[in-house]
Amino acid sequence: MSPLPRAFAYYVDSFRGFRREVWLLAAITFINRAGSMVIPFLSLYLTANEGYTLEQVGWVMSCFGLGSVLGSWLGGKLTDTFGYYAVLVTSLISGGVAFILLQYIHGLVPFCIGIFVLTVLMDASRPAIFVALRSYAIPENRTRAVTLIRLAINLGFSFGPAIGGFLIATAGYAGLFWVDGLTCIAAAGLMLATLPRKDPVGNNDTSSTTPDRSPYSDVPFLLFLLSMVFISVPFLQYFSTVPLFYNEVHGLSELWIGILIGLNGLMCFLFEMPLIKYSEEKAFDRFKVMRFSVLLIVLSFVVLNVFPVIAFLWIGMALMTFGEMLNFPFMNRFAYDRSDHGPPGAYMALFTISWSVAHIFGHTLGLNLIAHFGYTATWWFFVAFLLMAVGLLYLTERAVKAEVNEEA
C-alpha cells in the first residue's frame, strides 16, 4: 500500500471503537460550536462597533471569565445532583436565548452584566459534557473520546470564524448573535431527539473510586490546575489579542482574520485524532508530551516577534495548533483519571474553572500589556509565562510519582 492510502487508512482507523452515544455527543457539540461566531470577534465588535477602549474590552472579558467560573462551579454541583442530561439541555436552550438578546444590550456596565449572565448559562454545560463523556466512553478510549469531542469543537470553530468574518463583511455584526443563539437551541433539540437519557449500562468503572476524596485536597491535581491556568492565559491570546495584532500591525481584514483562526480548527480536524492515536500506540510519557506541547506554543509567540511578516503568521498559528493538539487531550485525560478518585462533577467543575480563571485574567492582562508596552513586549511576557507552565508540569509529575510511591 502506498503512503497516501496507508495514511488515510490510519486516519479512518483512529475513529473506530466509539459508542453511538459518543458520536451523538460529538454531533451535538459540533452544531453548537459551528455557531460560535460572537466570541472570536468580541474584542473587534466592542472596539469597532461599540467604540470601547482596549481597557474597557478587558473588563468585559473579565466578566466573561467570572461568569465562566460561576457557571462551571454551578454546572458541576447541578450535574452531581440532577445528572448531566438535564444540565446540558437547560444550559444550551437558555444560553441560546441569551446570545440572541445580548446584541440589544449597550453600555459598558449593562454589557458586562449581560456577558456575565450569558457565560454562567453557557458554561454550566462544560462539566456536564465531561461527565457525559466519562459515562459514555469506555476507559480504554477515553483520551481519543476527548479528542473526538475536541475535534467536533474545532471543526465547528473552523466554520464559525470563517462564516462569521463573511457575515460581518456582508451583513454586519447582528447576524452573529442570531446564528450563535439558534445553533445552541438546535443542539439542544438534537440532544432531546437522539441522545439516551440514561447512562449506558456497564460503562461506569467505579471500582477505583473513593467518593470521599475532595479535589480541593488533591495536591497533584491542584498543581496540575495551576499549570493549566499558566498554559491557558497565553493560549487565549490567539482568540482575543492576537486578532487585534493581525488587524492593527499586519492590516488583515475581518475576513482574513476569520480564515486564519479557522486554520486552527481545520488542522485539528486533519491531524489531532491520528496524532493522539500514534502517541498512545507508542506509549509516549504523558508528562513529556505535555511539556513538549507547551514549548511548541512558546515557539508560536517567538515567531510573531522574530519574523514580523504576514507569511509567518500562518507558521505561528500552525505551531500553536500542534501544541494545542498534543496538550489539551492529555490534560483532559489526566483530569478524567483524577476524577476516578472522587465525585466526577466536582473534579471536572474544578478543571473547567481553571480555564475560566484564565479567562478572567488572560484577556485583561493581554489587552492592558498591549496598551502600555506594545505587542512585542507582550508576546515575550507570554513566552516567560509558558516556560513557568513547563516547570509546574514537572512539579505535578513529581507529586504524582511521590503519591504512587506512598501507596506502594
Protein backbone atom coordinates (compact mmCIF):
# COMPACT_ATOMS: atom_id res chain seq x y z
CA MET A 1 0.00 0.00 0.00
CA SER A 2 1.38 3.40 -1.00
CA PRO A 3 1.95 6.08 1.67
CA LEU A 4 -1.17 8.16 0.90
CA PRO A 5 -3.72 5.31 1.13
CA ARG A 6 -1.89 4.00 4.21
CA ALA A 7 -2.13 7.42 5.88
CA PHE A 8 -5.83 7.64 5.01
CA ALA A 9 -6.48 4.15 6.40
CA TYR A 10 -4.66 5.09 9.61
CA TYR A 11 -6.74 8.28 9.85
CA VAL A 12 -10.00 6.33 9.45
CA ASP A 13 -8.88 3.68 11.94
CA SER A 14 -8.25 6.35 14.58
CA PHE A 15 -12.02 6.97 14.68
CA ARG A 16 -13.03 3.36 15.36
CA GLY A 17 -14.26 1.90 18.64
CA PHE A 18 -16.60 4.62 19.92
CA ARG A 19 -20.12 4.01 21.19
CA ARG A 20 -23.04 5.53 19.28
CA GLU A 21 -23.68 7.88 22.21
CA VAL A 22 -20.18 9.34 21.94
CA TRP A 23 -20.78 10.12 18.26
CA LEU A 24 -24.11 11.76 19.10
CA LEU A 25 -22.48 13.88 21.79
CA ALA A 26 -19.85 14.92 19.24
CA ALA A 27 -22.57 15.86 16.71
CA ILE A 28 -24.37 17.97 19.32
CA THR A 29 -21.09 19.69 20.18
CA PHE A 30 -20.36 20.36 16.52
CA ILE A 31 -23.72 22.02 15.89
CA ASN A 32 -23.27 24.17 18.97
CA ARG A 33 -19.72 25.22 18.10
CA ALA A 34 -20.43 25.78 14.40
CA GLY A 35 -22.35 28.83 15.56
CA SER A 36 -19.51 30.09 17.76
CA MET A 37 -19.04 33.33 15.88
CA VAL A 38 -19.52 36.01 18.52
CA ILE A 39 -16.70 35.19 20.96
CA PRO A 40 -13.71 35.21 18.50
CA PHE A 41 -14.85 38.60 17.18
CA LEU A 42 -16.00 40.02 20.53
CA SER A 43 -12.98 42.29 21.00
CA LEU A 44 -13.32 43.61 17.44
CA TYR A 45 -17.10 44.04 17.87
CA LEU A 46 -16.66 46.07 21.05
CA THR A 47 -13.91 48.30 19.66
CA ALA A 48 -15.17 48.78 16.09
CA ASN A 49 -18.95 48.64 16.58
CA GLU A 50 -19.42 49.87 20.16
CA GLY A 51 -16.44 52.22 20.44
CA TYR A 52 -14.89 50.63 23.55
CA THR A 53 -11.27 51.21 24.54
CA LEU A 54 -8.93 48.25 25.00
CA GLU A 55 -9.15 48.65 28.79
CA GLN A 56 -12.96 48.54 28.63
CA VAL A 57 -12.82 45.43 26.45
CA GLY A 58 -10.58 43.91 29.10
CA TRP A 59 -13.26 44.47 31.75
CA VAL A 60 -15.89 42.84 29.53
CA MET A 61 -13.64 39.82 29.03
CA SER A 62 -13.03 39.62 32.78
CA CYS A 63 -16.79 39.45 33.31
CA PHE A 64 -16.81 36.70 30.70
CA GLY A 65 -14.30 34.81 32.85
CA LEU A 66 -16.15 35.46 36.12
CA GLY A 67 -19.36 34.15 34.61
CA SER A 68 -17.48 31.12 33.36
CA VAL A 69 -16.15 30.39 36.88
CA LEU A 70 -19.60 30.61 38.44
CA GLY A 71 -21.20 28.67 35.59
CA SER A 72 -18.63 25.88 35.75
CA TRP A 73 -18.92 25.56 39.53
CA LEU A 74 -22.72 25.63 39.38
CA GLY A 75 -22.74 23.16 36.49
CA GLY A 76 -20.62 20.72 38.48
CA LYS A 77 -22.89 20.94 41.52
CA LEU A 78 -26.03 20.54 39.43
CA THR A 79 -24.53 17.65 37.45
CA ASP A 80 -23.71 15.70 40.63
CA THR A 81 -27.27 16.45 41.87
CA PHE A 82 -29.53 16.18 38.80
CA GLY A 83 -27.35 14.45 36.20
CA TYR A 84 -25.62 15.71 33.08
CA TYR A 85 -28.63 15.40 30.76
CA ALA A 86 -30.88 18.00 32.38
CA VAL A 87 -27.95 20.39 32.87
CA LEU A 88 -26.86 20.15 29.22
CA VAL A 89 -30.33 20.73 27.75
CA THR A 90 -31.15 23.63 30.08
CA SER A 91 -27.78 25.26 29.50
CA LEU A 92 -27.98 25.05 25.71
CA ILE A 93 -31.51 26.46 25.46
CA SER A 94 -31.08 29.28 27.99
CA GLY A 95 -27.65 30.15 26.60
CA GLY A 96 -29.04 30.33 23.08
CA VAL A 97 -31.74 32.80 24.14
CA ALA A 98 -29.10 34.85 25.99
CA PHE A 99 -26.91 35.06 22.87
CA ILE A 100 -29.80 36.46 20.83
CA LEU A 101 -30.64 39.06 23.49
CA LEU A 102 -27.03 40.18 24.00
CA GLN A 103 -26.99 42.17 20.73
CA TYR A 104 -29.62 44.55 22.16
CA ILE A 105 -27.51 45.48 25.22
CA HIS A 106 -25.42 48.67 25.03
CA GLY A 107 -23.23 50.49 27.52
CA LEU A 108 -20.25 49.15 29.44
CA VAL A 109 -21.95 48.13 32.70
CA PRO A 110 -25.09 46.58 31.11
CA PHE A 111 -22.94 44.69 28.60
CA CYS A 112 -20.66 43.41 31.37
CA ILE A 113 -23.74 42.13 33.21
CA GLY A 114 -25.10 40.59 30.02
CA ILE A 115 -21.87 38.76 29.16
CA PHE A 116 -21.62 37.54 32.76
CA VAL A 117 -25.15 36.06 32.69
CA LEU A 118 -24.53 34.54 29.25
CA THR A 119 -21.37 32.73 30.35
CA VAL A 120 -22.99 31.49 33.58
CA LEU A 121 -25.71 29.86 31.47
CA MET A 122 -23.42 28.54 28.74
CA ASP A 123 -20.54 27.26 30.87
CA ALA A 124 -22.80 25.32 33.21
CA SER A 125 -22.73 22.75 30.38
CA ARG A 126 -18.97 22.24 30.46
CA PRO A 127 -18.69 19.90 33.48
CA ALA A 128 -21.84 18.15 32.27
CA ILE A 129 -20.25 17.39 28.88
CA PHE A 130 -17.18 15.91 30.56
CA VAL A 131 -19.29 13.77 32.89
CA ALA A 132 -21.48 12.63 29.97
CA LEU A 133 -18.41 11.62 28.02
CA ARG A 134 -17.00 9.90 31.09
CA SER A 135 -20.22 7.88 31.22
CA TYR A 136 -20.48 7.03 27.53
CA ALA A 137 -16.82 6.34 26.65
CA ILE A 138 -15.17 3.09 27.65
CA PRO A 139 -12.00 3.55 29.76
CA GLU A 140 -9.72 2.21 27.00
CA ASN A 141 -10.52 5.05 24.60
CA ARG A 142 -11.13 7.97 26.96
CA THR A 143 -8.28 10.05 25.54
CA ARG A 144 -9.47 9.53 21.96
CA ALA A 145 -13.08 10.20 23.03
CA VAL A 146 -11.96 13.52 24.49
CA THR A 147 -10.13 14.15 21.23
CA LEU A 148 -13.28 13.38 19.24
CA ILE A 149 -15.23 15.99 21.22
CA ARG A 150 -12.37 18.45 20.74
CA LEU A 151 -12.46 17.60 17.04
CA ALA A 152 -16.16 18.45 16.92
CA ILE A 153 -15.43 21.72 18.74
CA ASN A 154 -12.57 22.64 16.42
CA LEU A 155 -14.36 21.59 13.25
CA GLY A 156 -17.29 23.75 14.27
CA PHE A 157 -14.91 26.50 15.29
CA SER A 158 -13.19 26.37 11.89
CA PHE A 159 -16.56 27.04 10.24
CA GLY A 160 -17.68 29.63 12.79
CA PRO A 161 -14.98 32.33 12.45
CA ALA A 162 -14.74 31.95 8.67
CA ILE A 163 -18.51 32.28 8.25
CA GLY A 164 -18.54 34.97 10.93
CA GLY A 165 -15.97 37.03 9.04
CA PHE A 166 -18.09 36.72 5.88
CA LEU A 167 -21.26 37.76 7.74
CA ILE A 168 -19.54 40.82 9.23
CA ALA A 169 -18.27 41.83 5.81
CA THR A 170 -21.72 41.47 4.19
CA ALA A 171 -24.39 41.96 6.88
CA GLY A 172 -22.69 43.44 9.95
CA TYR A 173 -22.37 42.01 13.46
CA ALA A 174 -26.07 41.47 14.29
CA GLY A 175 -26.31 38.19 12.38
CA LEU A 176 -23.60 36.64 14.54
CA PHE A 177 -25.74 36.82 17.67
CA TRP A 178 -28.74 35.24 15.95
CA VAL A 179 -26.73 32.38 14.45
CA ASP A 180 -24.92 31.69 17.73
CA GLY A 181 -28.19 31.59 19.68
CA LEU A 182 -30.12 29.47 17.19
CA THR A 183 -27.35 26.87 16.88
CA CYS A 184 -27.33 26.45 20.68
CA ILE A 185 -31.06 25.80 20.63
CA ALA A 186 -30.66 23.42 17.65
CA ALA A 187 -28.02 21.45 19.57
CA ALA A 188 -30.44 21.05 22.48
CA GLY A 189 -33.12 19.84 20.07
CA LEU A 190 -30.81 17.21 18.61
CA MET A 191 -29.88 16.03 22.09
CA LEU A 192 -33.53 15.66 23.13
CA ALA A 193 -34.33 13.79 19.92
CA THR A 194 -31.41 11.36 19.79
CA LEU A 195 -29.26 11.04 22.93
CA PRO A 196 -30.41 8.49 25.54
CA ARG A 197 -31.48 9.97 28.86
CA LYS A 198 -29.93 7.20 30.95
CA ASP A 199 -26.29 6.19 31.27
CA PRO A 200 -25.28 3.10 29.29
CA VAL A 201 -25.35 0.02 31.48
CA GLY A 202 -21.97 -1.40 32.42
CA ASN A 203 -19.99 1.59 31.23
CA ASN A 204 -19.04 3.16 34.55
CA ASP A 205 -15.97 1.78 36.23
CA THR A 206 -16.46 2.63 39.86
CA SER A 207 -14.13 0.01 41.27
CA SER A 208 -11.36 2.50 41.88
CA THR A 209 -13.41 5.47 43.03
CA THR A 210 -13.21 6.87 46.52
CA PRO A 211 -16.07 9.41 46.65
CA ASP A 212 -14.90 10.93 49.95
CA ARG A 213 -11.76 12.34 48.32
CA SER A 214 -12.19 16.02 47.52
CA PRO A 215 -10.47 17.60 44.52
CA TYR A 216 -9.63 20.53 46.81
CA SER A 217 -7.29 18.29 48.84
CA ASP A 218 -5.75 16.53 45.83
CA VAL A 219 -2.28 18.15 45.71
CA PRO A 220 -1.14 16.76 42.32
CA PHE A 221 -4.46 17.80 40.82
CA LEU A 222 -4.17 21.34 42.23
CA LEU A 223 -0.63 21.69 40.83
CA PHE A 224 -1.94 20.43 37.51
CA LEU A 225 -4.74 23.03 37.55
CA LEU A 226 -2.25 25.81 38.18
CA SER A 227 -0.21 24.68 35.19
CA MET A 228 -3.45 24.66 33.18
CA VAL A 229 -4.00 28.33 34.03
CA PHE A 230 -0.44 29.22 33.02
CA ILE A 231 -0.96 27.48 29.67
CA SER A 232 -4.46 28.79 29.01
CA VAL A 233 -3.72 32.50 29.61
CA PRO A 234 -1.27 32.73 26.65
CA PHE A 235 -3.35 30.33 24.54
CA LEU A 236 -6.40 32.59 24.90
CA GLN A 237 -4.48 35.46 23.34
CA TYR A 238 -4.90 33.75 19.97
CA PHE A 239 -8.64 34.40 20.23
CA SER A 240 -8.60 37.88 21.80
CA THR A 241 -5.44 39.98 21.45
CA VAL A 242 -3.76 38.18 18.54
CA PRO A 243 -6.68 39.03 16.18
CA LEU A 244 -6.12 42.69 17.12
CA PHE A 245 -2.42 42.18 16.31
CA TYR A 246 -3.37 40.75 12.92
CA ASN A 247 -5.56 43.79 12.23
CA GLU A 248 -3.55 46.66 13.70
CA VAL A 249 0.02 45.55 12.91
CA HIS A 250 -0.43 43.49 9.73
CA GLY A 251 -3.60 45.12 8.37
CA LEU A 252 -5.64 41.93 7.94
CA SER A 253 -9.39 42.33 7.41
CA GLU A 254 -12.04 40.53 9.49
CA LEU A 255 -12.48 38.03 6.64
CA TRP A 256 -8.78 37.05 6.59
CA ILE A 257 -8.62 37.01 10.38
CA GLY A 258 -11.53 34.56 10.36
CA ILE A 259 -9.79 32.37 7.78
CA LEU A 260 -6.53 32.41 9.77
CA ILE A 261 -8.30 31.47 13.01
CA GLY A 262 -10.25 28.85 11.06
CA LEU A 263 -6.93 27.23 10.10
CA ASN A 264 -6.64 26.18 13.73
CA GLY A 265 -9.84 24.15 13.58
CA LEU A 266 -9.03 22.70 10.16
CA MET A 267 -5.62 21.47 11.31
CA CYS A 268 -7.16 19.90 14.41
CA PHE A 269 -9.68 18.12 12.18
CA LEU A 270 -6.96 16.71 9.92
CA PHE A 271 -4.22 15.82 12.41
CA GLU A 272 -5.37 15.65 16.03
CA MET A 273 -7.04 12.23 16.15
CA PRO A 274 -4.26 10.32 14.33
CA LEU A 275 -1.66 12.25 16.34
CA ILE A 276 -3.23 11.14 19.62
CA LYS A 277 -3.67 7.57 18.36
CA TYR A 278 0.01 7.46 17.37
CA SER A 279 1.09 8.88 20.74
CA GLU A 280 -0.93 6.23 22.58
CA GLU A 281 0.36 3.40 20.39
CA LYS A 282 3.94 4.48 21.04
CA ALA A 283 3.13 4.85 24.76
CA PHE A 284 4.85 8.20 24.98
CA ASP A 285 5.22 9.53 28.51
CA ARG A 286 2.18 11.73 29.18
CA PHE A 287 4.05 14.46 31.04
CA LYS A 288 6.83 14.64 28.45
CA VAL A 289 4.23 15.10 25.73
CA MET A 290 2.50 17.87 27.68
CA ARG A 291 5.76 19.71 28.34
CA PHE A 292 6.83 19.42 24.69
CA SER A 293 3.45 20.74 23.59
CA VAL A 294 3.88 23.86 25.74
CA LEU A 295 7.27 24.50 24.13
CA LEU A 296 5.57 24.47 20.71
CA ILE A 297 3.19 27.19 21.91
CA VAL A 298 6.24 29.11 23.17
CA LEU A 299 7.72 28.96 19.65
CA SER A 300 4.46 30.28 18.18
CA PHE A 301 4.87 33.52 20.17
CA VAL A 302 8.58 33.73 19.37
CA VAL A 303 7.73 33.58 15.65
CA LEU A 304 5.35 36.54 15.97
CA ASN A 305 8.22 38.69 17.25
CA VAL A 306 11.26 37.38 15.38
CA PHE A 307 9.63 37.18 11.92
CA PRO A 308 7.27 40.18 11.59
CA VAL A 309 5.88 39.29 8.16
CA ILE A 310 2.43 38.02 7.23
CA ALA A 311 3.68 34.62 5.99
CA PHE A 312 4.93 33.76 9.48
CA LEU A 313 1.52 34.44 10.99
CA TRP A 314 0.47 31.16 9.40
CA ILE A 315 3.54 29.39 10.82
CA GLY A 316 2.82 30.81 14.27
CA MET A 317 -0.78 29.57 14.09
CA ALA A 318 0.46 26.12 12.96
CA LEU A 319 2.93 25.86 15.86
CA MET A 320 0.28 26.91 18.36
CA THR A 321 -2.18 24.41 16.89
CA PHE A 322 0.22 21.46 17.08
CA GLY A 323 0.96 22.45 20.69
CA GLU A 324 -2.74 22.57 21.42
CA MET A 325 -3.38 19.20 19.77
CA LEU A 326 -0.75 17.50 21.89
CA ASN A 327 -1.55 19.33 25.10
CA PHE A 328 -5.27 19.50 25.72
CA PRO A 329 -6.29 15.86 25.07
CA PHE A 330 -3.69 14.61 27.55
CA MET A 331 -4.53 17.38 30.03
CA ASN A 332 -8.18 16.31 29.79
CA ARG A 333 -7.23 12.66 30.24
CA PHE A 334 -5.22 13.46 33.36
CA ALA A 335 -8.26 15.27 34.82
CA TYR A 336 -10.50 12.31 33.93
CA ASP A 337 -8.18 9.87 35.67
CA ARG A 338 -8.03 12.02 38.80
CA SER A 339 -11.85 12.26 38.82
CA ASP A 340 -11.95 8.50 39.39
CA HIS A 341 -10.86 9.31 42.96
CA GLY A 342 -13.94 11.37 43.84
CA PRO A 343 -17.22 12.91 42.65
CA PRO A 344 -16.75 13.45 38.90
CA GLY A 345 -18.87 16.60 38.73
CA ALA A 346 -16.76 18.33 41.39
CA TYR A 347 -13.48 17.27 39.76
CA MET A 348 -14.49 18.28 36.25
CA ALA A 349 -16.02 21.53 37.51
CA LEU A 350 -12.70 22.49 39.11
CA PHE A 351 -10.92 21.50 35.90
CA THR A 352 -13.16 23.75 33.79
CA ILE A 353 -12.90 26.54 36.38
CA SER A 354 -9.15 26.64 35.80
CA TRP A 355 -9.93 27.52 32.18
CA SER A 356 -12.41 30.14 33.39
CA VAL A 357 -9.82 31.68 35.73
CA ALA A 358 -7.59 32.09 32.68
CA HIS A 359 -10.45 33.97 31.01
CA ILE A 360 -10.77 36.33 33.98
CA PHE A 361 -7.14 37.40 33.94
CA GLY A 362 -5.93 36.45 30.49
CA HIS A 363 -7.86 38.87 28.28
CA THR A 364 -7.47 41.85 30.61
CA LEU A 365 -3.79 41.09 31.16
CA GLY A 366 -3.08 40.83 27.44
CA LEU A 367 -5.04 43.94 26.48
CA ASN A 368 -3.51 46.07 29.23
CA LEU A 369 0.03 44.87 28.45
CA ILE A 370 -0.50 45.80 24.81
CA ALA A 371 -1.96 49.20 25.73
CA HIS A 372 1.04 50.07 27.97
CA PHE A 373 4.01 48.20 26.45
CA GLY A 374 3.04 47.20 22.91
CA TYR A 375 2.72 43.85 21.17
CA THR A 376 6.40 42.83 21.13
CA ALA A 377 6.88 43.06 24.91
CA THR A 378 3.53 41.33 25.46
CA TRP A 379 4.46 38.30 23.35
CA TRP A 380 7.80 37.95 25.22
CA PHE A 381 5.91 38.16 28.52
CA PHE A 382 3.73 35.23 27.50
CA VAL A 383 6.83 33.25 26.45
CA ALA A 384 8.02 33.55 30.06
CA PHE A 385 4.53 32.65 31.31
CA LEU A 386 4.54 29.43 29.30
CA LEU A 387 8.02 28.46 30.48
CA MET A 388 6.70 28.67 34.05
CA ALA A 389 3.93 26.28 32.98
CA VAL A 390 6.58 23.78 31.89
CA GLY A 391 8.07 23.94 35.39
CA LEU A 392 4.67 23.42 37.01
CA LEU A 393 4.04 20.33 34.89
CA TYR A 394 7.37 18.95 36.09
CA LEU A 395 6.32 19.54 39.72
CA THR A 396 2.99 17.84 39.00
CA GLU A 397 4.78 14.78 37.65
CA ARG A 398 6.97 14.60 40.75
CA ALA A 399 3.91 14.89 43.02
CA VAL A 400 2.17 12.04 41.16
CA LYS A 401 5.24 9.81 41.45
CA ALA A 402 5.56 10.60 45.17
CA GLU A 403 1.89 9.66 45.63
CA VAL A 404 2.39 6.36 43.81
CA ASN A 405 5.44 5.57 45.95
CA GLU A 406 3.49 6.28 49.16
CA GLU A 407 0.64 3.99 48.08
CA ALA A 408 3.14 1.24 47.22
